[in-house]
Amino acid sequence: MSASDLAGLLGVVLILVAYALVQLRRLDATSLGGSAMNFAGSTLILLSLVRTFNLSAFIVEAAWALIALYGVVRRLRERSGK
């Protein structure tokens, strides 16, 4: 298994664990942790696409990463009072 395959698998695990925790009500979907897990997961999947590119997967993961990054930034600003 290549490093890019491993990165992609880890990314999938992060996103699925975040989703499962939200469904089990152990994680707030808008929390910093949830957004960070989704951002990290989608970024790792994007890295895996460097080796074997797929346009539709790239689009969905790039959008996922941008939305999750927005959530991370929003939470960090709320914490700092800005």
N, C-alpha and C. Protein backbone atom coordinates (compact mmCIF):
# COMPACT_ATOMS: atom_id res chain seq x y z
N MET A 1 0.85 -1.18 0.00
CA MET A 1 0.00 0.00 0.00
C MET A 1 0.89 1.24 0.00
N SER A 2 0.58 2.16 -0.88
CA SER A 2 1.39 3.38 -0.99
C SER A 2 1.03 4.38 0.11
N ALA A 3 1.91 5.36 0.27
CA ALA A 3 1.66 6.41 1.27
C ALA A 3 0.39 7.20 0.94
N SER A 4 0.15 7.43 -0.35
CA SER A 4 -1.06 8.17 -0.71
C SER A 4 -2.32 7.34 -0.43
N ASP A 5 -2.25 6.05 -0.64
CA ASP A 5 -3.39 5.18 -0.29
C ASP A 5 -3.64 5.21 1.21
N LEU A 6 -2.58 5.15 1.98
CA LEU A 6 -2.70 5.18 3.44
C LEU A 6 -3.28 6.51 3.90
N ALA A 7 -2.85 7.62 3.31
CA ALA A 7 -3.39 8.93 3.65
C ALA A 7 -4.89 8.97 3.34
N GLY A 8 -5.27 8.47 2.19
CA GLY A 8 -6.68 8.45 1.82
C GLY A 8 -7.52 7.62 2.77
N LEU A 9 -7.02 6.46 3.15
CA LEU A 9 -7.75 5.61 4.08
C LEU A 9 -7.90 6.27 5.45
N LEU A 10 -6.83 6.90 5.93
CA LEU A 10 -6.90 7.61 7.20
C LEU A 10 -7.92 8.75 7.12
N GLY A 11 -7.93 9.44 5.98
CA GLY A 11 -8.91 10.51 5.79
C GLY A 11 -10.34 10.00 5.85
N VAL A 12 -10.59 8.89 5.19
CA VAL A 12 -11.92 8.28 5.21
C VAL A 12 -12.31 7.90 6.64
N VAL A 13 -11.38 7.31 7.36
CA VAL A 13 -11.66 6.92 8.75
C VAL A 13 -12.02 8.15 9.59
N LEU A 14 -11.26 9.23 9.45
CA LEU A 14 -11.55 10.44 10.22
C LEU A 14 -12.95 10.98 9.93
N ILE A 15 -13.31 11.05 8.66
CA ILE A 15 -14.63 11.57 8.30
C ILE A 15 -15.73 10.65 8.81
N LEU A 16 -15.55 9.35 8.67
CA LEU A 16 -16.58 8.41 9.13
C LEU A 16 -16.71 8.39 10.64
N VAL A 17 -15.59 8.49 11.35
CA VAL A 17 -15.65 8.54 12.81
C VAL A 17 -16.37 9.81 13.27
N ALA A 18 -16.05 10.94 12.65
CA ALA A 18 -16.73 12.19 12.99
C ALA A 18 -18.23 12.05 12.75
N TYR A 19 -18.61 11.49 11.62
CA TYR A 19 -20.03 11.33 11.30
C TYR A 19 -20.71 10.39 12.30
N ALA A 20 -20.07 9.28 12.62
CA ALA A 20 -20.63 8.34 13.59
C ALA A 20 -20.80 8.99 14.96
N LEU A 21 -19.80 9.76 15.39
CA LEU A 21 -19.89 10.43 16.69
C LEU A 21 -21.02 11.45 16.73
N VAL A 22 -21.25 12.14 15.63
CA VAL A 22 -22.37 13.08 15.55
C VAL A 22 -23.68 12.31 15.66
N GLN A 23 -23.81 11.22 14.93
CA GLN A 23 -25.04 10.44 14.96
C GLN A 23 -25.30 9.81 16.33
N LEU A 24 -24.22 9.47 17.03
CA LEU A 24 -24.33 8.89 18.38
C LEU A 24 -24.49 9.97 19.45
N ARG A 25 -24.52 11.21 19.02
CA ARG A 25 -24.65 12.38 19.91
C ARG A 25 -23.50 12.49 20.91
N ARG A 26 -22.33 12.11 20.46
CA ARG A 26 -21.12 12.25 21.27
C ARG A 26 -20.25 13.40 20.78
N LEU A 27 -20.67 14.01 19.67
CA LEU A 27 -19.92 15.11 19.08
C LEU A 27 -20.91 16.08 18.45
N ASP A 28 -20.74 17.36 18.76
CA ASP A 28 -21.57 18.40 18.13
C ASP A 28 -21.04 18.62 16.72
N ALA A 29 -21.93 18.56 15.76
CA ALA A 29 -21.53 18.68 14.35
C ALA A 29 -20.84 20.00 14.06
N THR A 30 -21.13 21.04 14.84
CA THR A 30 -20.53 22.35 14.61
C THR A 30 -19.37 22.64 15.56
N SER A 31 -18.95 21.64 16.30
CA SER A 31 -17.85 21.85 17.25
C SER A 31 -16.50 21.98 16.54
N LEU A 32 -15.54 22.53 17.24
CA LEU A 32 -14.19 22.64 16.68
C LEU A 32 -13.64 21.26 16.35
N GLY A 33 -13.85 20.30 17.23
CA GLY A 33 -13.35 18.94 17.00
C GLY A 33 -13.96 18.30 15.76
N GLY A 34 -15.26 18.45 15.61
CA GLY A 34 -15.93 17.87 14.44
C GLY A 34 -15.47 18.50 13.15
N SER A 35 -15.36 19.83 13.16
CA SER A 35 -14.89 20.52 11.94
C SER A 35 -13.44 20.17 11.64
N ALA A 36 -12.62 20.08 12.69
CA ALA A 36 -11.21 19.75 12.49
C ALA A 36 -11.04 18.33 11.94
N MET A 37 -11.83 17.40 12.45
CA MET A 37 -11.75 16.02 11.95
C MET A 37 -12.17 15.97 10.48
N ASN A 38 -13.21 16.69 10.12
CA ASN A 38 -13.65 16.72 8.73
C ASN A 38 -12.63 17.40 7.83
N PHE A 39 -12.02 18.48 8.31
CA PHE A 39 -11.00 19.17 7.51
C PHE A 39 -9.79 18.26 7.30
N ALA A 40 -9.32 17.65 8.38
CA ALA A 40 -8.16 16.76 8.26
C ALA A 40 -8.47 15.58 7.36
N GLY A 41 -9.64 14.99 7.51
CA GLY A 41 -10.01 13.84 6.70
C GLY A 41 -10.07 14.18 5.22
N SER A 42 -10.74 15.28 4.90
CA SER A 42 -10.87 15.64 3.49
C SER A 42 -9.52 16.05 2.90
N THR A 43 -8.68 16.69 3.70
CA THR A 43 -7.35 17.07 3.21
C THR A 43 -6.51 15.82 2.92
N LEU A 44 -6.60 14.82 3.77
CA LEU A 44 -5.86 13.58 3.53
C LEU A 44 -6.37 12.87 2.28
N ILE A 45 -7.67 12.89 2.07
CA ILE A 45 -8.21 12.29 0.85
C ILE A 45 -7.72 13.06 -0.37
N LEU A 46 -7.70 14.39 -0.28
CA LEU A 46 -7.16 15.19 -1.39
C LEU A 46 -5.71 14.83 -1.68
N LEU A 47 -4.93 14.62 -0.63
CA LEU A 47 -3.53 14.21 -0.83
C LEU A 47 -3.45 12.87 -1.57
N SER A 48 -4.37 11.98 -1.25
CA SER A 48 -4.34 10.67 -1.91
C SER A 48 -4.66 10.78 -3.40
N LEU A 49 -5.35 11.85 -3.78
CA LEU A 49 -5.72 12.03 -5.19
C LEU A 49 -4.55 12.52 -6.04
N VAL A 50 -3.46 12.90 -5.40
CA VAL A 50 -2.28 13.33 -6.16
C VAL A 50 -1.76 12.18 -7.01
N ARG A 51 -1.79 10.99 -6.46
CA ARG A 51 -1.26 9.82 -7.16
C ARG A 51 -2.21 9.35 -8.27
N THR A 52 -3.48 9.26 -7.94
CA THR A 52 -4.49 8.82 -8.90
C THR A 52 -5.63 9.84 -8.86
N PHE A 53 -5.59 10.78 -9.79
CA PHE A 53 -6.55 11.88 -9.78
C PHE A 53 -7.92 11.43 -10.26
N ASN A 54 -8.94 11.96 -9.59
CA ASN A 54 -10.34 11.73 -9.96
C ASN A 54 -11.05 13.05 -9.77
N LEU A 55 -11.54 13.65 -10.84
CA LEU A 55 -12.11 15.00 -10.77
C LEU A 55 -13.30 15.09 -9.84
N SER A 56 -14.23 14.18 -9.92
CA SER A 56 -15.41 14.27 -9.06
C SER A 56 -15.05 14.11 -7.59
N ALA A 57 -14.13 13.21 -7.27
CA ALA A 57 -13.68 13.06 -5.89
C ALA A 57 -12.95 14.32 -5.43
N PHE A 58 -12.16 14.90 -6.31
CA PHE A 58 -11.45 16.14 -5.97
C PHE A 58 -12.43 17.26 -5.64
N ILE A 59 -13.47 17.41 -6.45
CA ILE A 59 -14.44 18.48 -6.23
C ILE A 59 -15.15 18.31 -4.89
N VAL A 60 -15.63 17.11 -4.61
CA VAL A 60 -16.36 16.91 -3.37
C VAL A 60 -15.44 17.08 -2.16
N GLU A 61 -14.22 16.60 -2.23
CA GLU A 61 -13.31 16.72 -1.08
C GLU A 61 -12.80 18.14 -0.90
N ALA A 62 -12.58 18.86 -1.99
CA ALA A 62 -12.17 20.26 -1.88
C ALA A 62 -13.30 21.08 -1.24
N ALA A 63 -14.53 20.84 -1.67
CA ALA A 63 -15.67 21.54 -1.07
C ALA A 63 -15.80 21.18 0.41
N TRP A 64 -15.65 19.91 0.72
CA TRP A 64 -15.74 19.42 2.10
C TRP A 64 -14.67 20.10 2.96
N ALA A 65 -13.46 20.18 2.44
CA ALA A 65 -12.36 20.82 3.18
C ALA A 65 -12.64 22.30 3.40
N LEU A 66 -13.12 23.00 2.39
CA LEU A 66 -13.41 24.43 2.54
C LEU A 66 -14.52 24.69 3.54
N ILE A 67 -15.57 23.90 3.49
CA ILE A 67 -16.67 24.06 4.45
C ILE A 67 -16.19 23.77 5.86
N ALA A 68 -15.42 22.70 6.03
CA ALA A 68 -14.90 22.35 7.35
C ALA A 68 -13.93 23.41 7.86
N LEU A 69 -13.11 23.95 6.96
CA LEU A 69 -12.17 25.01 7.35
C LEU A 69 -12.94 26.25 7.83
N TYR A 70 -14.03 26.57 7.15
CA TYR A 70 -14.88 27.67 7.60
C TYR A 70 -15.36 27.42 9.04
N GLY A 71 -15.79 26.19 9.32
CA GLY A 71 -16.23 25.85 10.67
C GLY A 71 -15.12 25.97 11.70
N VAL A 72 -13.92 25.54 11.35
CA VAL A 72 -12.78 25.66 12.26
C VAL A 72 -12.49 27.13 12.56
N VAL A 73 -12.41 27.93 11.51
CA VAL A 73 -12.11 29.36 11.69
C VAL A 73 -13.19 30.04 12.51
N ARG A 74 -14.45 29.73 12.22
CA ARG A 74 -15.57 30.32 12.97
C ARG A 74 -15.48 29.99 14.45
N ARG A 75 -15.22 28.74 14.77
CA ARG A 75 -15.10 28.33 16.18
C ARG A 75 -13.91 29.00 16.87
N LEU A 76 -12.80 29.08 16.18
CA LEU A 76 -11.62 29.71 16.78
C LEU A 76 -11.87 31.20 17.03
N ARG A 77 -12.57 31.86 16.11
CA ARG A 77 -12.92 33.28 16.32
C ARG A 77 -13.88 33.44 17.48
N GLU A 78 -14.84 32.53 17.60
CA GLU A 78 -15.77 32.58 18.73
C GLU A 78 -15.05 32.41 20.05
N ARG A 79 -14.08 31.52 20.09
CA ARG A 79 -13.31 31.29 21.32
C ARG A 79 -12.48 32.51 21.71
N SER A 80 -11.96 33.20 20.71
CA SER A 80 -11.10 34.36 21.01
C SER A 80 -11.92 35.62 21.22
N GLY A 81 -13.23 35.54 21.00
CA GLY A 81 -14.09 36.69 21.23
C GLY A 81 -14.12 37.69 20.10
N LYS A 82 -13.67 37.32 18.92
CA LYS A 82 -13.65 38.24 17.78
C LYS A 82 -14.84 38.05 16.89
